[in-house]
Amino acid sequence: MTQLYLIRHGESCIVNDGIVNDYGLTETGVAQAIKLRDRLVRSGEIQADIWIASSFLRAKQTAEILAEGLDVTIVPDDEFQEMRPGQALGMTKESLDELLTLHNPKRNPFALIAPGAENWPQFVLRVGTALNRICLQYEGKTIAIVCHGGVIDCSFQYFFGLNTFEMPKVGFQTNHTSITHWSQHEDKTWSLIKYNDARHLEAY
């Protein structure tokens, strides 16, 4: 059976001096990733044949911390990036908040917050295509992907066959460095084994 583990990155810094960008992990995010690394080293619960990470800095840094303890090689994959913001990167937080008010994806999932950005259906299509590719390429193996909350949201739409033209009607609150585990059966159907497992942070 194919086993797929999706791991959200640690807490990250998105706003620095009022400017929105991907500034990587905060000190808390680094500590969270270390706690997850220590858990995985201790438990051996994820014996992945392939480790993949989004190329966004916050996911890349999280994956690098895990790799230090697990002695694995991380394969970067742009297709597991969070929803791409285009020219919204580099804006002030105030300007971005105004754009999100004008182009709220819950009201209009086809809206773009800025030039070069993705809308929600484009995002779901990209992630779904990437999941399909990886699960076919590594069928019968164990796959671990360090990614983003939005990518994990998309996994629900992909595996459960939900409407890709609108945002989910339920709100997913995926914790930083949490583990989501999907398992494929012999009949090719998928089951959700666990979601949002971040017990390594309980004493944090």
N, C-alpha and C. Protein backbone atom coordinates (compact mmCIF):
# COMPACT_ATOMS: atom_id res chain seq x y z
N MET A 1 0.84 -1.20 0.00
CA MET A 1 0.00 0.00 0.00
C MET A 1 0.88 1.25 0.00
N THR A 2 0.43 2.26 -0.70
CA THR A 2 1.12 3.54 -0.69
C THR A 2 0.76 4.30 0.58
N GLN A 3 1.78 4.81 1.26
CA GLN A 3 1.58 5.63 2.45
C GLN A 3 2.06 7.04 2.14
N LEU A 4 1.22 8.01 2.44
CA LEU A 4 1.56 9.41 2.17
C LEU A 4 1.46 10.22 3.45
N TYR A 5 2.57 10.83 3.83
CA TYR A 5 2.61 11.69 5.01
C TYR A 5 2.83 13.13 4.55
N LEU A 6 1.93 14.01 4.97
CA LEU A 6 2.05 15.44 4.69
C LEU A 6 2.36 16.16 6.00
N ILE A 7 3.45 16.90 6.01
CA ILE A 7 3.91 17.58 7.22
C ILE A 7 3.91 19.09 6.97
N ARG A 8 3.19 19.81 7.81
CA ARG A 8 3.19 21.26 7.66
C ARG A 8 4.49 21.83 8.23
N HIS A 9 4.97 22.91 7.64
CA HIS A 9 6.18 23.58 8.13
C HIS A 9 5.97 24.17 9.52
N GLY A 10 7.06 24.56 10.17
CA GLY A 10 6.97 25.24 11.46
C GLY A 10 6.48 26.67 11.31
N GLU A 11 6.21 27.29 12.45
CA GLU A 11 5.75 28.69 12.45
C GLU A 11 6.73 29.55 11.66
N SER A 12 6.18 30.42 10.83
CA SER A 12 7.04 31.21 9.94
C SER A 12 6.79 32.70 10.09
N CYS A 13 7.73 33.48 9.62
CA CYS A 13 7.63 34.93 9.62
C CYS A 13 7.20 35.38 8.23
N ILE A 14 6.01 35.95 8.14
CA ILE A 14 5.47 36.41 6.86
C ILE A 14 5.60 37.92 6.71
N VAL A 15 5.55 38.63 7.83
CA VAL A 15 5.63 40.10 7.79
C VAL A 15 6.88 40.55 8.55
N ASN A 16 7.71 41.33 7.91
CA ASN A 16 8.92 41.86 8.53
C ASN A 16 9.01 43.35 8.18
N ASP A 17 9.03 44.18 9.22
CA ASP A 17 9.04 45.64 9.01
C ASP A 17 7.87 46.09 8.13
N GLY A 18 6.74 45.41 8.29
CA GLY A 18 5.53 45.78 7.56
C GLY A 18 5.44 45.26 6.15
N ILE A 19 6.47 44.54 5.68
CA ILE A 19 6.49 44.02 4.31
C ILE A 19 6.18 42.52 4.34
N VAL A 20 5.34 42.09 3.41
CA VAL A 20 4.91 40.70 3.34
C VAL A 20 5.83 39.91 2.42
N ASN A 21 6.39 38.83 2.93
CA ASN A 21 7.25 37.96 2.12
C ASN A 21 7.45 36.66 2.87
N ASP A 22 8.22 35.73 2.29
CA ASP A 22 8.53 34.47 2.95
C ASP A 22 9.90 34.61 3.62
N TYR A 23 9.88 34.93 4.91
CA TYR A 23 11.13 35.17 5.64
C TYR A 23 11.62 33.93 6.38
N GLY A 24 10.99 32.80 6.16
CA GLY A 24 11.45 31.57 6.79
C GLY A 24 10.88 31.39 8.19
N LEU A 25 11.46 30.45 8.92
CA LEU A 25 10.95 30.08 10.23
C LEU A 25 11.29 31.12 11.30
N THR A 26 10.38 31.28 12.24
CA THR A 26 10.67 32.05 13.44
C THR A 26 11.46 31.15 14.40
N GLU A 27 11.92 31.72 15.51
CA GLU A 27 12.59 30.90 16.53
C GLU A 27 11.65 29.81 17.02
N THR A 28 10.39 30.15 17.19
CA THR A 28 9.41 29.15 17.61
C THR A 28 9.28 28.06 16.55
N GLY A 29 9.26 28.46 15.28
CA GLY A 29 9.15 27.49 14.20
C GLY A 29 10.32 26.53 14.16
N VAL A 30 11.52 27.04 14.41
CA VAL A 30 12.71 26.19 14.47
C VAL A 30 12.57 25.19 15.61
N ALA A 31 12.13 25.67 16.77
CA ALA A 31 11.95 24.78 17.93
C ALA A 31 10.90 23.71 17.65
N GLN A 32 9.83 24.09 16.96
CA GLN A 32 8.79 23.11 16.61
C GLN A 32 9.34 22.03 15.69
N ALA A 33 10.12 22.44 14.70
CA ALA A 33 10.70 21.47 13.77
C ALA A 33 11.67 20.53 14.48
N ILE A 34 12.43 21.06 15.43
CA ILE A 34 13.35 20.23 16.21
C ILE A 34 12.58 19.20 17.04
N LYS A 35 11.48 19.64 17.64
CA LYS A 35 10.65 18.71 18.42
C LYS A 35 10.10 17.60 17.53
N LEU A 36 9.67 17.95 16.33
CA LEU A 36 9.18 16.92 15.42
C LEU A 36 10.32 15.98 15.00
N ARG A 37 11.47 16.57 14.69
CA ARG A 37 12.63 15.74 14.33
C ARG A 37 12.95 14.74 15.44
N ASP A 38 13.01 15.23 16.68
CA ASP A 38 13.33 14.35 17.80
C ASP A 38 12.29 13.24 17.95
N ARG A 39 11.03 13.60 17.75
CA ARG A 39 9.97 12.59 17.82
C ARG A 39 10.16 11.51 16.77
N LEU A 40 10.43 11.94 15.53
CA LEU A 40 10.55 10.97 14.43
C LEU A 40 11.79 10.09 14.60
N VAL A 41 12.87 10.67 15.11
CA VAL A 41 14.08 9.88 15.36
C VAL A 41 13.79 8.84 16.44
N ARG A 42 13.08 9.25 17.47
CA ARG A 42 12.78 8.37 18.60
C ARG A 42 11.81 7.26 18.19
N SER A 43 10.76 7.63 17.48
CA SER A 43 9.68 6.67 17.20
C SER A 43 9.91 5.84 15.94
N GLY A 44 10.62 6.41 14.97
CA GLY A 44 10.80 5.72 13.70
C GLY A 44 9.50 5.50 12.96
N GLU A 45 8.50 6.34 13.23
CA GLU A 45 7.15 6.10 12.70
C GLU A 45 7.01 6.41 11.21
N ILE A 46 7.90 7.22 10.66
CA ILE A 46 7.86 7.50 9.22
C ILE A 46 9.15 6.97 8.60
N GLN A 47 9.03 5.84 7.94
CA GLN A 47 10.17 5.25 7.22
C GLN A 47 9.94 5.47 5.73
N ALA A 48 10.19 6.70 5.30
CA ALA A 48 9.82 7.09 3.94
C ALA A 48 10.88 6.65 2.92
N ASP A 49 10.39 6.23 1.77
CA ASP A 49 11.28 5.92 0.65
C ASP A 49 11.74 7.18 -0.06
N ILE A 50 10.94 8.24 0.06
CA ILE A 50 11.27 9.51 -0.58
C ILE A 50 10.79 10.65 0.32
N TRP A 51 11.65 11.65 0.50
CA TRP A 51 11.30 12.86 1.24
C TRP A 51 11.29 14.02 0.25
N ILE A 52 10.19 14.74 0.23
CA ILE A 52 9.98 15.85 -0.70
C ILE A 52 9.66 17.09 0.11
N ALA A 53 10.04 18.25 -0.38
CA ALA A 53 9.69 19.50 0.31
C ALA A 53 9.34 20.57 -0.69
N SER A 54 8.36 21.38 -0.33
CA SER A 54 8.09 22.62 -1.05
C SER A 54 9.37 23.45 -1.06
N SER A 55 9.58 24.19 -2.14
CA SER A 55 10.77 25.02 -2.26
C SER A 55 10.61 26.38 -1.58
N PHE A 56 9.44 26.68 -1.01
CA PHE A 56 9.30 27.91 -0.23
C PHE A 56 10.17 27.80 1.03
N LEU A 57 10.77 28.90 1.44
CA LEU A 57 11.80 28.88 2.47
C LEU A 57 11.33 28.23 3.76
N ARG A 58 10.11 28.53 4.22
CA ARG A 58 9.64 28.00 5.51
C ARG A 58 9.54 26.48 5.49
N ALA A 59 9.14 25.92 4.36
CA ALA A 59 9.08 24.45 4.24
C ALA A 59 10.47 23.86 4.06
N LYS A 60 11.29 24.54 3.28
CA LYS A 60 12.65 24.08 3.03
C LYS A 60 13.45 24.02 4.33
N GLN A 61 13.33 25.05 5.16
CA GLN A 61 14.06 25.06 6.42
C GLN A 61 13.57 23.97 7.36
N THR A 62 12.26 23.75 7.40
CA THR A 62 11.70 22.68 8.23
C THR A 62 12.24 21.33 7.78
N ALA A 63 12.24 21.10 6.47
CA ALA A 63 12.73 19.83 5.93
C ALA A 63 14.21 19.62 6.24
N GLU A 64 14.98 20.70 6.18
CA GLU A 64 16.42 20.59 6.47
C GLU A 64 16.66 20.18 7.92
N ILE A 65 15.86 20.70 8.83
CA ILE A 65 15.99 20.33 10.25
C ILE A 65 15.65 18.85 10.43
N LEU A 66 14.59 18.38 9.78
CA LEU A 66 14.22 16.97 9.88
C LEU A 66 15.32 16.09 9.29
N ALA A 67 15.87 16.52 8.17
CA ALA A 67 16.89 15.72 7.48
C ALA A 67 18.14 15.54 8.33
N GLU A 68 18.45 16.54 9.17
CA GLU A 68 19.64 16.46 10.02
C GLU A 68 19.60 15.24 10.93
N GLY A 69 18.43 14.98 11.50
CA GLY A 69 18.32 13.87 12.44
C GLY A 69 18.00 12.55 11.80
N LEU A 70 17.27 12.59 10.68
CA LEU A 70 16.81 11.36 10.04
C LEU A 70 17.80 10.83 9.02
N ASP A 71 18.81 11.64 8.69
CA ASP A 71 19.82 11.26 7.71
C ASP A 71 19.18 10.87 6.38
N VAL A 72 18.36 11.80 5.87
CA VAL A 72 17.68 11.57 4.59
C VAL A 72 18.01 12.72 3.64
N THR A 73 17.78 12.48 2.38
CA THR A 73 17.95 13.50 1.35
C THR A 73 16.59 14.08 1.00
N ILE A 74 16.50 15.39 0.94
CA ILE A 74 15.25 16.07 0.62
C ILE A 74 15.24 16.45 -0.86
N VAL A 75 14.16 16.11 -1.54
CA VAL A 75 13.98 16.47 -2.94
C VAL A 75 13.06 17.69 -3.02
N PRO A 76 13.53 18.84 -3.50
CA PRO A 76 12.64 20.01 -3.61
C PRO A 76 11.66 19.85 -4.76
N ASP A 77 10.45 20.36 -4.56
CA ASP A 77 9.42 20.26 -5.60
C ASP A 77 8.57 21.53 -5.55
N ASP A 78 8.68 22.35 -6.58
CA ASP A 78 7.95 23.62 -6.64
C ASP A 78 6.44 23.44 -6.62
N GLU A 79 5.96 22.29 -7.06
CA GLU A 79 4.51 22.09 -7.19
C GLU A 79 3.81 21.92 -5.85
N PHE A 80 4.59 21.76 -4.77
CA PHE A 80 3.99 21.66 -3.44
C PHE A 80 4.12 22.97 -2.66
N GLN A 81 4.37 24.06 -3.37
CA GLN A 81 4.35 25.39 -2.75
C GLN A 81 2.94 25.74 -2.30
N GLU A 82 2.86 26.64 -1.32
CA GLU A 82 1.58 27.21 -0.91
C GLU A 82 0.98 27.99 -2.09
N MET A 83 -0.27 28.39 -1.96
CA MET A 83 -0.94 29.17 -3.00
C MET A 83 -0.07 30.38 -3.37
N ARG A 84 0.24 30.51 -4.64
CA ARG A 84 1.22 31.50 -5.08
C ARG A 84 0.63 32.92 -5.09
N PRO A 85 1.26 33.85 -4.39
CA PRO A 85 0.69 35.19 -4.23
C PRO A 85 1.09 36.18 -5.33
N GLY A 86 1.98 35.76 -6.23
CA GLY A 86 2.38 36.67 -7.30
C GLY A 86 2.98 37.95 -6.77
N GLN A 87 2.52 39.08 -7.32
CA GLN A 87 3.09 40.38 -6.96
C GLN A 87 2.63 40.89 -5.60
N ALA A 88 1.84 40.08 -4.88
CA ALA A 88 1.49 40.46 -3.50
C ALA A 88 2.71 40.38 -2.60
N LEU A 89 3.69 39.54 -2.97
CA LEU A 89 4.93 39.51 -2.21
C LEU A 89 5.64 40.85 -2.34
N GLY A 90 6.11 41.36 -1.23
CA GLY A 90 6.80 42.64 -1.23
C GLY A 90 5.89 43.81 -0.92
N MET A 91 4.57 43.56 -0.86
CA MET A 91 3.63 44.63 -0.49
C MET A 91 3.66 44.87 1.01
N THR A 92 3.12 46.00 1.41
CA THR A 92 2.92 46.22 2.84
C THR A 92 1.72 45.38 3.29
N LYS A 93 1.69 45.07 4.57
CA LYS A 93 0.58 44.28 5.10
C LYS A 93 -0.75 45.02 4.91
N GLU A 94 -0.74 46.33 5.07
CA GLU A 94 -1.97 47.11 4.91
C GLU A 94 -2.50 47.00 3.48
N SER A 95 -1.60 47.08 2.49
CA SER A 95 -2.03 46.98 1.09
C SER A 95 -2.58 45.59 0.80
N LEU A 96 -1.91 44.55 1.34
CA LEU A 96 -2.38 43.19 1.10
C LEU A 96 -3.73 42.95 1.76
N ASP A 97 -3.93 43.47 2.96
CA ASP A 97 -5.22 43.33 3.63
C ASP A 97 -6.34 43.97 2.81
N GLU A 98 -6.04 45.11 2.19
CA GLU A 98 -7.03 45.77 1.33
C GLU A 98 -7.37 44.89 0.13
N LEU A 99 -6.35 44.29 -0.49
CA LEU A 99 -6.58 43.41 -1.64
C LEU A 99 -7.41 42.20 -1.25
N LEU A 100 -7.14 41.63 -0.07
CA LEU A 100 -7.88 40.45 0.38
C LEU A 100 -9.33 40.79 0.67
N THR A 101 -9.57 42.03 1.08
CA THR A 101 -10.96 42.47 1.29
C THR A 101 -11.68 42.60 -0.05
N LEU A 102 -10.97 43.13 -1.04
CA LEU A 102 -11.58 43.33 -2.36
C LEU A 102 -11.72 42.02 -3.13
N HIS A 103 -10.79 41.10 -2.92
CA HIS A 103 -10.76 39.86 -3.70
C HIS A 103 -10.80 38.65 -2.78
N ASN A 104 -11.83 38.60 -1.95
CA ASN A 104 -11.96 37.52 -0.98
C ASN A 104 -12.25 36.20 -1.70
N PRO A 105 -11.35 35.19 -1.60
CA PRO A 105 -11.56 33.95 -2.34
C PRO A 105 -12.75 33.13 -1.85
N LYS A 106 -13.22 33.38 -0.63
CA LYS A 106 -14.42 32.67 -0.17
C LYS A 106 -15.66 33.17 -0.91
N ARG A 107 -15.65 34.47 -1.26
CA ARG A 107 -16.78 35.01 -2.02
C ARG A 107 -16.63 34.72 -3.51
N ASN A 108 -15.42 34.83 -4.02
CA ASN A 108 -15.16 34.57 -5.44
C ASN A 108 -13.86 33.80 -5.57
N PRO A 109 -13.95 32.46 -5.64
CA PRO A 109 -12.73 31.64 -5.68
C PRO A 109 -11.89 31.86 -6.94
N PHE A 110 -12.45 32.51 -7.95
CA PHE A 110 -11.71 32.75 -9.19
C PHE A 110 -10.94 34.09 -9.16
N ALA A 111 -11.11 34.85 -8.08
CA ALA A 111 -10.45 36.15 -7.98
C ALA A 111 -8.96 35.99 -7.76
N LEU A 112 -8.19 36.93 -8.30
CA LEU A 112 -6.75 36.99 -8.09
C LEU A 112 -6.44 38.15 -7.17
N ILE A 113 -5.65 37.92 -6.12
CA ILE A 113 -5.36 39.02 -5.20
C ILE A 113 -4.36 40.00 -5.80
N ALA A 114 -3.56 39.54 -6.77
CA ALA A 114 -2.54 40.41 -7.38
C ALA A 114 -2.10 39.79 -8.70
N PRO A 115 -1.52 40.58 -9.60
CA PRO A 115 -1.00 40.01 -10.85
C PRO A 115 -0.02 38.88 -10.57
N GLY A 116 -0.13 37.82 -11.34
CA GLY A 116 0.77 36.68 -11.19
C GLY A 116 0.39 35.70 -10.11
N ALA A 117 -0.66 36.03 -9.36
CA ALA A 117 -1.11 35.14 -8.29
C ALA A 117 -1.98 34.01 -8.85
N GLU A 118 -2.17 32.97 -8.05
CA GLU A 118 -3.10 31.89 -8.40
C GLU A 118 -4.45 32.18 -7.78
N ASN A 119 -5.51 31.72 -8.43
CA ASN A 119 -6.79 31.68 -7.74
C ASN A 119 -6.97 30.28 -7.14
N TRP A 120 -8.05 30.12 -6.40
CA TRP A 120 -8.23 28.86 -5.67
C TRP A 120 -8.32 27.64 -6.60
N PRO A 121 -9.13 27.64 -7.65
CA PRO A 121 -9.17 26.45 -8.52
C PRO A 121 -7.82 26.12 -9.16
N GLN A 122 -7.05 27.13 -9.51
CA GLN A 122 -5.72 26.88 -10.07
C GLN A 122 -4.81 26.21 -9.04
N PHE A 123 -4.91 26.66 -7.82
CA PHE A 123 -4.11 26.09 -6.73
C PHE A 123 -4.47 24.62 -6.50
N VAL A 124 -5.77 24.34 -6.41
CA VAL A 124 -6.21 22.96 -6.18
C VAL A 124 -5.79 22.06 -7.34
N LEU A 125 -5.89 22.57 -8.56
CA LEU A 125 -5.49 21.78 -9.72
C LEU A 125 -3.99 21.48 -9.67
N ARG A 126 -3.19 22.49 -9.33
CA ARG A 126 -1.74 22.27 -9.27
C ARG A 126 -1.37 21.22 -8.23
N VAL A 127 -1.93 21.38 -7.03
CA VAL A 127 -1.59 20.44 -5.95
C VAL A 127 -2.13 19.05 -6.26
N GLY A 128 -3.37 18.97 -6.75
CA GLY A 128 -3.94 17.68 -7.10
C GLY A 128 -3.12 16.96 -8.16
N THR A 129 -2.66 17.70 -9.17
CA THR A 129 -1.83 17.13 -10.22
C THR A 129 -0.51 16.62 -9.64
N ALA A 130 0.07 17.39 -8.73
CA ALA A 130 1.33 16.99 -8.10
C ALA A 130 1.15 15.75 -7.23
N LEU A 131 0.06 15.70 -6.47
CA LEU A 131 -0.21 14.51 -5.66
C LEU A 131 -0.40 13.28 -6.53
N ASN A 132 -1.14 13.44 -7.62
CA ASN A 132 -1.37 12.33 -8.53
C ASN A 132 -0.04 11.83 -9.11
N ARG A 133 0.81 12.77 -9.51
CA ARG A 133 2.11 12.41 -10.09
C ARG A 133 2.98 11.65 -9.09
N ILE A 134 3.08 12.18 -7.88
CA ILE A 134 3.94 11.57 -6.88
C ILE A 134 3.42 10.20 -6.45
N CYS A 135 2.11 10.09 -6.28
CA CYS A 135 1.55 8.82 -5.82
C CYS A 135 1.65 7.73 -6.90
N LEU A 136 1.62 8.11 -8.16
CA LEU A 136 1.84 7.14 -9.23
C LEU A 136 3.32 6.79 -9.34
N GLN A 137 4.17 7.79 -9.22
CA GLN A 137 5.62 7.56 -9.35
C GLN A 137 6.15 6.66 -8.24
N TYR A 138 5.59 6.82 -7.03
CA TYR A 138 6.08 6.04 -5.89
C TYR A 138 5.00 5.09 -5.36
N GLU A 139 4.19 4.55 -6.26
CA GLU A 139 3.13 3.64 -5.87
C GLU A 139 3.69 2.45 -5.10
N GLY A 140 3.04 2.13 -3.99
CA GLY A 140 3.47 1.02 -3.15
C GLY A 140 4.56 1.38 -2.17
N LYS A 141 4.99 2.65 -2.17
CA LYS A 141 6.07 3.09 -1.29
C LYS A 141 5.53 4.08 -0.25
N THR A 142 6.42 4.53 0.60
CA THR A 142 6.06 5.51 1.63
C THR A 142 6.66 6.86 1.25
N ILE A 143 5.80 7.87 1.20
CA ILE A 143 6.16 9.21 0.73
C ILE A 143 5.95 10.20 1.88
N ALA A 144 6.92 11.07 2.10
CA ALA A 144 6.77 12.15 3.08
C ALA A 144 7.00 13.48 2.38
N ILE A 145 6.08 14.42 2.57
CA ILE A 145 6.17 15.72 1.92
C ILE A 145 6.05 16.82 2.97
N VAL A 146 7.05 17.67 3.05
CA VAL A 146 7.01 18.83 3.94
C VAL A 146 6.43 19.98 3.14
N CYS A 147 5.29 20.49 3.57
CA CYS A 147 4.56 21.43 2.72
C CYS A 147 3.85 22.48 3.56
N HIS A 148 2.63 22.82 3.20
CA HIS A 148 1.92 23.97 3.76
C HIS A 148 0.49 23.59 4.12
N GLY A 149 -0.11 24.43 4.96
CA GLY A 149 -1.49 24.18 5.35
C GLY A 149 -2.44 24.12 4.17
N GLY A 150 -2.24 25.01 3.19
CA GLY A 150 -3.11 25.02 2.01
C GLY A 150 -2.97 23.75 1.18
N VAL A 151 -1.75 23.22 1.11
CA VAL A 151 -1.53 21.97 0.37
C VAL A 151 -2.27 20.83 1.06
N ILE A 152 -2.24 20.82 2.39
CA ILE A 152 -2.96 19.78 3.13
C ILE A 152 -4.47 19.95 2.93
N ASP A 153 -4.96 21.20 2.91
CA ASP A 153 -6.37 21.44 2.57
C ASP A 153 -6.71 20.81 1.22
N CYS A 154 -5.84 21.04 0.25
CA CYS A 154 -6.08 20.52 -1.10
C CYS A 154 -6.09 19.00 -1.13
N SER A 155 -5.33 18.36 -0.24
CA SER A 155 -5.32 16.90 -0.22
C SER A 155 -6.70 16.35 0.12
N PHE A 156 -7.45 17.06 0.97
CA PHE A 156 -8.82 16.64 1.28
C PHE A 156 -9.70 16.74 0.04
N GLN A 157 -9.55 17.82 -0.70
CA GLN A 157 -10.35 17.98 -1.91
C GLN A 157 -9.98 16.92 -2.95
N TYR A 158 -8.71 16.59 -3.03
CA TYR A 158 -8.23 15.60 -4.00
C TYR A 158 -8.71 14.19 -3.64
N PHE A 159 -8.43 13.75 -2.42
CA PHE A 159 -8.74 12.37 -2.05
C PHE A 159 -10.23 12.13 -1.80
N PHE A 160 -10.93 13.14 -1.30
CA PHE A 160 -12.36 13.00 -1.04
C PHE A 160 -13.22 13.40 -2.24
N GLY A 161 -12.59 13.90 -3.30
CA GLY A 161 -13.34 14.27 -4.50
C GLY A 161 -14.27 15.45 -4.28
N LEU A 162 -13.84 16.44 -3.50
CA LEU A 162 -14.68 17.60 -3.23
C LEU A 162 -14.63 18.59 -4.39
N ASN A 163 -15.58 19.50 -4.38
CA ASN A 163 -15.68 20.52 -5.42
C ASN A 163 -14.41 21.38 -5.44
N THR A 164 -13.75 21.43 -6.58
CA THR A 164 -12.50 22.19 -6.68
C THR A 164 -12.73 23.64 -7.09
N PHE A 165 -13.97 24.01 -7.38
CA PHE A 165 -14.25 25.37 -7.85
C PHE A 165 -14.65 26.31 -6.72
N GLU A 166 -14.64 25.82 -5.50
CA GLU A 166 -14.91 26.69 -4.36
C GLU A 166 -14.07 26.23 -3.18
N MET A 167 -13.83 27.15 -2.26
CA MET A 167 -13.07 26.80 -1.08
C MET A 167 -13.90 25.87 -0.19
N PRO A 168 -13.25 25.02 0.61
CA PRO A 168 -14.01 24.09 1.46
C PRO A 168 -14.98 24.82 2.38
N LYS A 169 -16.12 24.21 2.61
CA LYS A 169 -17.11 24.81 3.50
C LYS A 169 -16.73 24.60 4.97
N VAL A 170 -15.80 23.70 5.22
CA VAL A 170 -15.30 23.49 6.57
C VAL A 170 -13.94 24.17 6.69
N GLY A 171 -13.59 24.58 7.90
CA GLY A 171 -12.31 25.25 8.10
C GLY A 171 -11.29 24.28 8.67
N PHE A 172 -10.18 24.09 7.97
CA PHE A 172 -9.10 23.26 8.47
C PHE A 172 -8.14 24.13 9.27
N GLN A 173 -7.83 23.69 10.47
CA GLN A 173 -6.89 24.43 11.33
C GLN A 173 -5.67 23.54 11.54
N THR A 174 -4.82 23.48 10.54
CA THR A 174 -3.69 22.56 10.56
C THR A 174 -2.54 23.17 11.36
N ASN A 175 -2.14 22.48 12.42
CA ASN A 175 -1.09 22.98 13.29
C ASN A 175 0.28 22.93 12.61
N HIS A 176 1.15 23.82 13.01
CA HIS A 176 2.52 23.80 12.51
C HIS A 176 3.21 22.49 12.90
N THR A 177 3.95 21.93 11.98
CA THR A 177 4.69 20.66 12.10
C THR A 177 3.80 19.46 12.39
N SER A 178 2.50 19.59 12.15
CA SER A 178 1.62 18.44 12.35
C SER A 178 1.74 17.47 11.18
N ILE A 179 1.32 16.24 11.44
CA ILE A 179 1.39 15.15 10.46
C ILE A 179 -0.01 14.77 10.02
N THR A 180 -0.21 14.67 8.72
CA THR A 180 -1.43 14.13 8.13
C THR A 180 -1.04 12.87 7.36
N HIS A 181 -1.75 11.78 7.59
CA HIS A 181 -1.37 10.49 7.01
C HIS A 181 -2.52 9.92 6.17
N TRP A 182 -2.24 9.71 4.89
CA TRP A 182 -3.17 9.06 3.96
C TRP A 182 -2.61 7.69 3.58
N SER A 183 -3.51 6.71 3.42
CA SER A 183 -3.08 5.35 3.06
C SER A 183 -3.94 4.82 1.92
N GLN A 184 -3.28 4.25 0.92
CA GLN A 184 -3.99 3.69 -0.22
C GLN A 184 -4.17 2.18 -0.05
N HIS A 185 -5.38 1.71 -0.32
CA HIS A 185 -5.69 0.29 -0.20
C HIS A 185 -5.41 -0.43 -1.52
N GLU A 186 -5.52 -1.75 -1.49
CA GLU A 186 -5.26 -2.54 -2.69
C GLU A 186 -6.22 -2.22 -3.82
N ASP A 187 -7.45 -1.78 -3.46
CA ASP A 187 -8.44 -1.44 -4.49
C ASP A 187 -8.25 -0.01 -5.00
N LYS A 188 -7.15 0.65 -4.60
CA LYS A 188 -6.76 2.00 -5.03
C LYS A 188 -7.54 3.11 -4.35
N THR A 189 -8.43 2.78 -3.42
CA THR A 189 -9.10 3.82 -2.66
C THR A 189 -8.17 4.29 -1.54
N TRP A 190 -8.44 5.52 -1.07
CA TRP A 190 -7.59 6.12 -0.04
C TRP A 190 -8.37 6.31 1.25
N SER A 191 -7.68 6.18 2.37
CA SER A 191 -8.26 6.44 3.69
C SER A 191 -7.40 7.46 4.42
N LEU A 192 -8.07 8.31 5.18
CA LEU A 192 -7.37 9.25 6.05
C LEU A 192 -7.09 8.53 7.37
N ILE A 193 -5.83 8.29 7.67
CA ILE A 193 -5.45 7.60 8.89
C ILE A 193 -5.40 8.56 10.07
N LYS A 194 -4.83 9.73 9.86
CA LYS A 194 -4.82 10.74 10.92
C LYS A 194 -4.60 12.12 10.30
N TYR A 195 -5.08 13.11 11.05
CA TYR A 195 -4.93 14.50 10.62
C TYR A 195 -4.51 15.34 11.81
N ASN A 196 -3.59 16.26 11.58
CA ASN A 196 -3.22 17.28 12.58
C ASN A 196 -2.55 16.68 13.81
N ASP A 197 -1.76 15.66 13.63
CA ASP A 197 -1.07 15.03 14.74
C ASP A 197 0.18 15.85 15.08
N ALA A 198 0.08 16.62 16.15
CA ALA A 198 1.21 17.45 16.60
C ALA A 198 1.47 17.20 18.08
N ARG A 199 1.38 15.95 18.50
CA ARG A 199 1.51 15.67 19.93
C ARG A 199 2.91 15.98 20.46
N HIS A 200 3.88 16.09 19.57
CA HIS A 200 5.23 16.48 20.01
C HIS A 200 5.28 17.91 20.54
N LEU A 201 4.22 18.70 20.27
CA LEU A 201 4.18 20.08 20.75
C LEU A 201 3.38 20.23 22.03
N GLU A 202 2.84 19.15 22.56
CA GLU A 202 1.93 19.26 23.71
C GLU A 202 2.60 19.88 24.92
N ALA A 203 3.89 19.59 25.11
CA ALA A 203 4.58 20.13 26.28
C ALA A 203 5.35 21.40 25.92
N TYR A 204 5.07 21.91 24.70
CA TYR A 204 5.84 23.07 24.23
C TYR A 204 5.37 24.35 24.88
